[in-house]
């Protein structure tokens, strides 16, 4: 979608056009639902958060300042709604005050895996690990941004990400070892 088409869609939403709102929803709903699923780890909750996020999008569309793409603006709203939802569920982060320099990076040796297995590994992570991992590795936020969004320290964000990577690797290696037993 080019910039003019996006601006026309925004103008239609501002005018209260249900058709424009429907087109905007259709264009972005699938991608935003995927984000909601990755963060909440619950398809039903993800659907509720998505609906709430789009209500906010339609309510706040007048504040879209074109400083980013419309999709990026919507994505920020969706992520903040997911985080708000998770806060209500009392997500727990393990505070890490030690320096991370003593933590070694997981070995980056290649492991033969598939996308479904990776998704399962991410879904199996403890909530705090999963959310930080998703925001950092999949959504492209840096640790400072994650710390601000989640109201945690940057050090905690880094430690949660590091631990998430380690747990994902353990999960994948464990599955790889199970597969080799059957071959």
Protein backbone atom coordinates (compact mmCIF):
# COMPACT_ATOMS: atom_id res chain seq x y z
CA UNK A 1 0.00 0.00 0.00
CA UNK A 2 1.48 3.33 -1.01
CA UNK A 3 1.50 6.43 1.18
CA UNK A 4 -1.44 8.05 -0.60
CA UNK A 5 -3.56 4.92 -0.16
CA UNK A 6 -2.69 4.88 3.54
CA UNK A 7 -3.60 8.56 3.87
CA UNK A 8 -6.90 7.93 2.06
CA UNK A 9 -7.63 5.06 4.45
CA UNK A 10 -6.82 7.27 7.46
CA UNK A 11 -9.03 10.06 6.06
CA UNK A 12 -11.87 7.59 5.58
CA UNK A 13 -11.51 6.36 9.17
CA UNK A 14 -11.48 9.95 10.42
CA UNK A 15 -14.71 10.56 8.50
CA UNK A 16 -16.24 7.54 10.26
CA UNK A 17 -16.42 5.35 7.16
CA UNK A 18 -17.13 1.77 8.21
CA UNK A 19 -15.79 0.64 4.84
CA UNK A 20 -12.44 2.38 5.49
CA UNK A 21 -12.28 0.90 8.99
CA UNK A 22 -13.02 -2.55 7.59
CA UNK A 23 -10.32 -2.19 4.91
CA UNK A 24 -7.78 -1.00 7.50
CA UNK A 25 -8.66 -3.92 9.76
CA UNK A 26 -8.45 -6.43 6.90
CA UNK A 27 -5.07 -5.09 5.84
CA UNK A 28 -3.41 -5.32 9.27
CA UNK A 29 -5.41 -7.79 11.40
CA UNK A 30 -3.53 -10.99 10.51
CA UNK A 31 -0.08 -9.57 11.18
CA UNK A 32 -1.21 -7.89 14.39
CA UNK A 33 -2.94 -11.07 15.56
CA UNK A 34 0.35 -12.94 15.14
CA UNK A 35 2.05 -10.39 17.38
CA UNK A 36 -0.73 -10.74 19.96
CA UNK A 37 -0.41 -14.53 19.91
CA UNK A 38 3.36 -14.42 20.37
CA UNK A 39 3.12 -12.06 23.33
CA UNK A 40 0.04 -13.43 25.12
CA UNK A 41 0.61 -17.09 24.20
CA UNK A 42 -3.17 -17.56 24.21
CA UNK A 43 -5.27 -17.35 21.01
CA UNK A 44 -8.44 -16.30 22.85
CA UNK A 45 -6.68 -13.55 24.77
CA UNK A 46 -4.90 -12.53 21.57
CA UNK A 47 -8.25 -12.09 19.81
CA UNK A 48 -9.56 -9.93 22.65
CA UNK A 49 -6.42 -7.81 22.71
CA UNK A 50 -6.54 -7.42 18.93
CA UNK A 51 -10.13 -6.16 19.07
CA UNK A 52 -9.27 -3.76 21.88
CA UNK A 53 -6.22 -2.52 19.97
CA UNK A 54 -8.24 -1.81 16.83
CA UNK A 55 -10.85 0.04 18.86
CA UNK A 56 -8.00 2.22 20.10
CA UNK A 57 -6.66 2.58 16.55
CA UNK A 58 -10.03 3.83 15.31
CA UNK A 59 -10.44 6.08 18.34
CA UNK A 60 -6.93 7.58 18.06
CA UNK A 61 -6.52 7.61 14.26
CA UNK A 62 -6.52 11.41 14.37
CA UNK A 63 -3.24 11.30 16.29
CA UNK A 64 -1.47 9.37 13.53
CA UNK A 65 1.23 11.90 12.60
CA UNK A 66 2.80 10.07 9.64
CA UNK A 67 6.19 9.95 11.38
CA UNK A 68 6.18 6.22 10.67
CA UNK A 69 4.15 3.94 8.47
CA UNK A 70 0.57 3.32 9.44
CA UNK A 71 1.46 -0.34 10.07
CA UNK A 72 4.26 0.62 12.47
CA UNK A 73 1.92 3.00 14.31
CA UNK A 74 -0.72 0.26 14.65
CA UNK A 75 1.95 -2.25 15.75
CA UNK A 76 3.00 0.03 18.62
CA UNK A 77 -0.61 0.24 19.80
CA UNK A 78 -1.01 -3.54 19.55
CA UNK A 79 2.17 -4.25 21.50
CA UNK A 80 1.23 -1.78 24.23
CA UNK A 81 -2.22 -3.36 24.50
CA UNK A 82 -0.61 -6.80 24.80
CA UNK A 83 1.72 -5.58 27.51
CA UNK A 84 -1.15 -3.92 29.38
CA UNK A 85 -3.08 -7.19 29.21
CA UNK A 86 -0.09 -9.14 30.50
CA UNK A 87 0.38 -6.65 33.33
CA UNK A 88 -3.16 -7.31 34.40
CA UNK A 89 -2.25 -11.00 34.49
CA UNK A 90 0.72 -10.07 36.71
CA UNK A 91 3.59 -11.21 34.52
CA UNK A 92 6.69 -11.83 36.56
CA UNK A 93 10.21 -10.88 35.59
CA UNK A 94 13.21 -12.07 37.52
CA UNK A 95 15.18 -8.97 38.40
CA UNK A 96 18.82 -9.33 37.48
CA UNK A 97 21.19 -6.97 39.23
CA UNK A 98 24.42 -8.79 38.47
CA UNK A 99 26.52 -7.87 35.48
CA UNK A 100 25.80 -10.12 32.53
CA UNK A 101 29.43 -10.27 31.47
CA UNK A 102 29.88 -13.57 33.31
CA UNK A 103 27.11 -15.17 31.27
CA UNK A 104 28.37 -16.93 28.20
CA UNK A 105 26.38 -16.74 25.00
CA UNK A 106 24.74 -20.02 24.08
CA UNK A 107 26.71 -21.92 21.48
CA UNK A 108 25.58 -20.96 18.03
CA UNK A 109 26.13 -24.39 16.54
CA UNK A 110 23.59 -25.17 13.83
CA UNK A 111 20.61 -27.27 14.81
CA UNK A 112 18.27 -28.77 12.25
CA UNK A 113 14.78 -27.53 13.19
CA UNK A 114 11.54 -26.40 11.68
CA UNK A 115 9.42 -23.29 12.21
CA UNK A 116 6.75 -25.16 14.16
CA UNK A 117 9.36 -26.43 16.60
CA UNK A 118 10.73 -22.93 17.10
CA UNK A 119 7.21 -21.63 17.75
CA UNK A 120 6.68 -24.42 20.29
CA UNK A 121 9.97 -23.56 22.00
CA UNK A 122 9.01 -19.89 22.25
CA UNK A 123 5.52 -20.75 23.51
CA UNK A 124 7.04 -23.01 26.19
CA UNK A 125 9.08 -20.15 27.66
CA UNK A 126 8.07 -18.64 30.99
CA UNK A 127 5.95 -15.55 30.38
CA UNK A 128 8.58 -12.91 31.15
CA UNK A 129 11.20 -14.63 29.00
CA UNK A 130 8.73 -15.07 26.13
CA UNK A 131 7.64 -11.45 26.10
CA UNK A 132 11.17 -10.03 26.18
CA UNK A 133 12.35 -12.54 23.57
CA UNK A 134 9.42 -11.68 21.30
CA UNK A 135 9.93 -7.94 21.61
CA UNK A 136 13.69 -8.15 21.07
CA UNK A 137 14.19 -10.98 18.57
CA UNK A 138 10.95 -10.88 16.63
CA UNK A 139 9.69 -7.30 16.87
CA UNK A 140 13.06 -5.53 16.75
CA UNK A 141 12.91 -3.49 19.94
CA UNK A 142 16.17 -2.82 21.77
CA UNK A 143 16.63 -3.51 25.48
CA UNK A 144 16.22 0.14 26.46
CA UNK A 145 12.86 0.30 24.66
CA UNK A 146 11.76 -3.00 26.17
CA UNK A 147 12.71 -1.78 29.63
CA UNK A 148 10.58 1.32 29.16
CA UNK A 149 7.60 -0.59 27.75
CA UNK A 150 7.65 -3.26 30.47
CA UNK A 151 8.77 -0.93 33.27
CA UNK A 152 11.76 -3.09 34.10
CA UNK A 153 15.47 -2.34 34.10
CA UNK A 154 17.49 -2.68 30.93
CA UNK A 155 19.62 -5.26 32.74
CA UNK A 156 16.50 -7.33 33.47
CA UNK A 157 15.52 -7.18 29.81
CA UNK A 158 18.96 -8.40 28.80
CA UNK A 159 18.95 -11.21 31.33
CA UNK A 160 15.44 -12.33 30.36
CA UNK A 161 16.48 -12.41 26.70
CA UNK A 162 19.69 -14.30 27.48
CA UNK A 163 17.83 -16.87 29.58
CA UNK A 164 15.12 -17.21 26.91
CA UNK A 165 17.74 -18.00 24.27
CA UNK A 166 19.26 -20.62 26.53
CA UNK A 167 15.88 -22.24 27.22
CA UNK A 168 14.99 -22.24 23.52
CA UNK A 169 18.28 -23.90 22.72
CA UNK A 170 17.70 -26.51 25.44
CA UNK A 171 14.22 -27.18 24.08
CA UNK A 172 15.46 -27.54 20.51
CA UNK A 173 18.41 -29.76 21.47
CA UNK A 174 16.16 -31.90 23.66
CA UNK A 175 13.74 -32.33 20.75
CA UNK A 176 16.62 -33.00 18.36
CA UNK A 177 17.91 -35.71 20.72
CA UNK A 178 14.41 -37.25 20.94
CA UNK A 179 14.22 -37.32 17.14
CA UNK A 180 17.62 -39.04 16.89
CA UNK A 181 16.38 -41.79 19.21
CA UNK A 182 13.66 -42.64 16.72
CA UNK A 183 15.89 -42.57 13.63
